[in-house]
Amino acid sequence: MMDIGKAFDLVWHRGLIFKMRRMGLDGNILNFVVNFLTDHSIRVRIGAAVSNSYELQNGTPQGSVISPLLFLLMVNDIDEPENGVKLSLFADDSAAWKSGSNLAALTNTFNNT
């Protein structure tokens, strides 16, 4: 089992929109996602000093119900490993797995994939 740290923070907006178009998603759903990801900015405060505001080019809002779906759309085109190893994705968690009766052979498969 693998957990991708800060996964939702890493979603590249332009890349996600490109992939959605390539999947045939357009119209209202694409406009919704573009609007959802637009106009998010960040500022840093240290004591009384506040930085300039910077527009975020990456990331989806934490806690939003649509963020896991947008992350899955972003990583949906990841190829499965070779040698019969399967990859399962759920939000920012993933698992690589293979079934068989010979543990040594399975371990070797994973070590060489």
Protein backbone atom coordinates (compact mmCIF):
# COMPACT_ATOMS: atom_id res chain seq x y z
CA MET A 1 0.00 0.00 0.00
CA MET A 2 1.34 3.40 -0.93
CA ASP A 3 0.04 6.79 0.20
CA ILE A 4 1.05 9.69 -2.01
CA GLY A 5 1.93 12.51 0.37
CA LYS A 6 0.40 15.91 -0.38
CA ALA A 7 -1.30 14.34 -3.42
CA PHE A 8 -4.09 16.87 -3.73
CA ASP A 9 -1.56 19.72 -3.42
CA LEU A 10 0.31 18.35 -6.45
CA VAL A 11 -2.56 18.34 -8.98
CA TRP A 12 -1.40 20.59 -11.83
CA HIS A 13 -4.39 22.61 -13.02
CA ARG A 14 -3.42 22.96 -16.69
CA GLY A 15 -2.45 19.30 -16.92
CA LEU A 16 -5.75 18.22 -15.37
CA ILE A 17 -7.76 20.36 -17.82
CA PHE A 18 -5.71 18.95 -20.73
CA LYS A 19 -6.37 15.38 -19.58
CA MET A 20 -10.09 16.05 -19.09
CA ARG A 21 -10.35 17.37 -22.64
CA ARG A 22 -8.44 14.34 -23.93
CA MET A 23 -10.96 12.10 -22.10
CA GLY A 24 -13.80 13.89 -23.90
CA LEU A 25 -14.97 15.84 -20.85
CA ASP A 26 -16.03 19.32 -21.88
CA GLY A 27 -18.93 21.74 -21.67
CA ASN A 28 -20.46 22.41 -18.26
CA ILE A 29 -18.35 19.85 -16.37
CA LEU A 30 -15.09 21.27 -17.72
CA ASN A 31 -16.25 24.84 -17.03
CA PHE A 32 -17.19 23.83 -13.49
CA VAL A 33 -13.74 22.35 -12.83
CA VAL A 34 -11.96 25.36 -14.35
CA ASN A 35 -14.01 27.71 -12.15
CA PHE A 36 -13.49 25.46 -9.13
CA LEU A 37 -9.69 25.64 -9.53
CA THR A 38 -9.48 29.32 -10.45
CA ASP A 39 -8.66 32.26 -8.18
CA HIS A 40 -7.06 30.40 -5.30
CA SER A 41 -4.14 32.30 -3.81
CA ILE A 42 -1.79 32.02 -0.87
CA ARG A 43 -0.05 34.50 1.43
CA VAL A 44 2.44 33.85 4.19
CA ARG A 45 2.46 35.67 7.52
CA ILE A 46 5.48 35.69 9.81
CA GLY A 47 4.79 37.80 12.85
CA ALA A 48 3.40 41.10 11.56
CA ALA A 49 4.95 40.71 8.07
CA VAL A 50 2.71 39.44 5.27
CA SER A 51 3.97 38.32 1.87
CA ASN A 52 2.53 39.23 -1.50
CA SER A 53 -0.37 37.11 -2.71
CA TYR A 54 0.49 34.35 -5.20
CA GLU A 55 -2.00 32.54 -7.42
CA LEU A 56 -1.85 28.77 -7.00
CA GLN A 57 -1.17 26.79 -10.20
CA ASN A 58 -1.37 23.43 -8.44
CA GLY A 59 -3.60 21.74 -5.95
CA THR A 60 -7.22 21.13 -5.16
CA PRO A 61 -8.92 22.36 -2.00
CA GLN A 62 -8.43 20.02 0.97
CA GLY A 63 -11.66 18.57 2.27
CA SER A 64 -13.60 19.19 -0.93
CA VAL A 65 -15.72 16.23 -2.03
CA ILE A 66 -14.57 16.63 -5.65
CA SER A 67 -10.81 16.73 -4.91
CA PRO A 68 -10.36 12.92 -4.80
CA LEU A 69 -12.14 12.59 -8.15
CA LEU A 70 -9.97 15.30 -9.73
CA PHE A 71 -6.85 13.57 -8.41
CA LEU A 72 -8.00 10.26 -9.90
CA LEU A 73 -8.61 11.93 -13.26
CA MET A 74 -5.05 13.26 -13.09
CA VAL A 75 -3.45 9.87 -12.40
CA ASN A 76 -5.88 7.71 -14.38
CA ASP A 77 -3.43 7.24 -17.25
CA ILE A 78 -0.65 5.71 -15.13
CA ASP A 79 0.35 2.44 -16.77
CA GLU A 80 0.23 -0.75 -14.76
CA PRO A 81 3.61 -2.31 -14.02
CA GLU A 82 4.80 -5.26 -16.10
CA ASN A 83 4.96 -8.93 -15.13
CA GLY A 84 1.27 -9.20 -14.29
CA VAL A 85 1.48 -6.77 -11.38
CA LYS A 86 -1.79 -4.85 -10.98
CA LEU A 87 -2.25 -1.32 -9.68
CA SER A 88 -5.32 -0.22 -7.72
CA LEU A 89 -6.02 3.45 -7.06
CA PHE A 90 -8.38 5.08 -4.59
CA ALA A 91 -8.00 8.82 -4.11
CA ASP A 92 -4.38 9.34 -3.00
CA ASP A 93 -3.87 5.73 -1.89
CA SER A 94 -2.62 3.04 -4.23
CA ALA A 95 -1.64 -0.58 -4.03
CA ALA A 96 0.42 -2.77 -6.33
CA TRP A 97 -0.51 -6.43 -6.14
CA LYS A 98 -0.17 -9.81 -7.78
CA SER A 99 -1.61 -13.13 -6.75
CA GLY A 100 0.01 -16.54 -6.89
CA SER A 101 1.00 -19.55 -4.84
CA ASN A 102 4.80 -19.08 -4.79
CA LEU A 103 5.75 -16.32 -2.35
CA ALA A 104 9.41 -16.32 -3.44
CA ALA A 105 8.45 -15.86 -7.10
CA LEU A 106 5.99 -13.08 -6.19
CA THR A 107 8.62 -11.31 -4.11
CA ASN A 108 11.09 -11.58 -6.99
CA THR A 109 8.52 -10.11 -9.38
CA PHE A 110 8.04 -7.07 -7.16
CA ASN A 111 11.76 -6.59 -6.58
CA ASN A 112 12.39 -6.57 -10.35
CA THR A 113 9.42 -4.42 -11.43
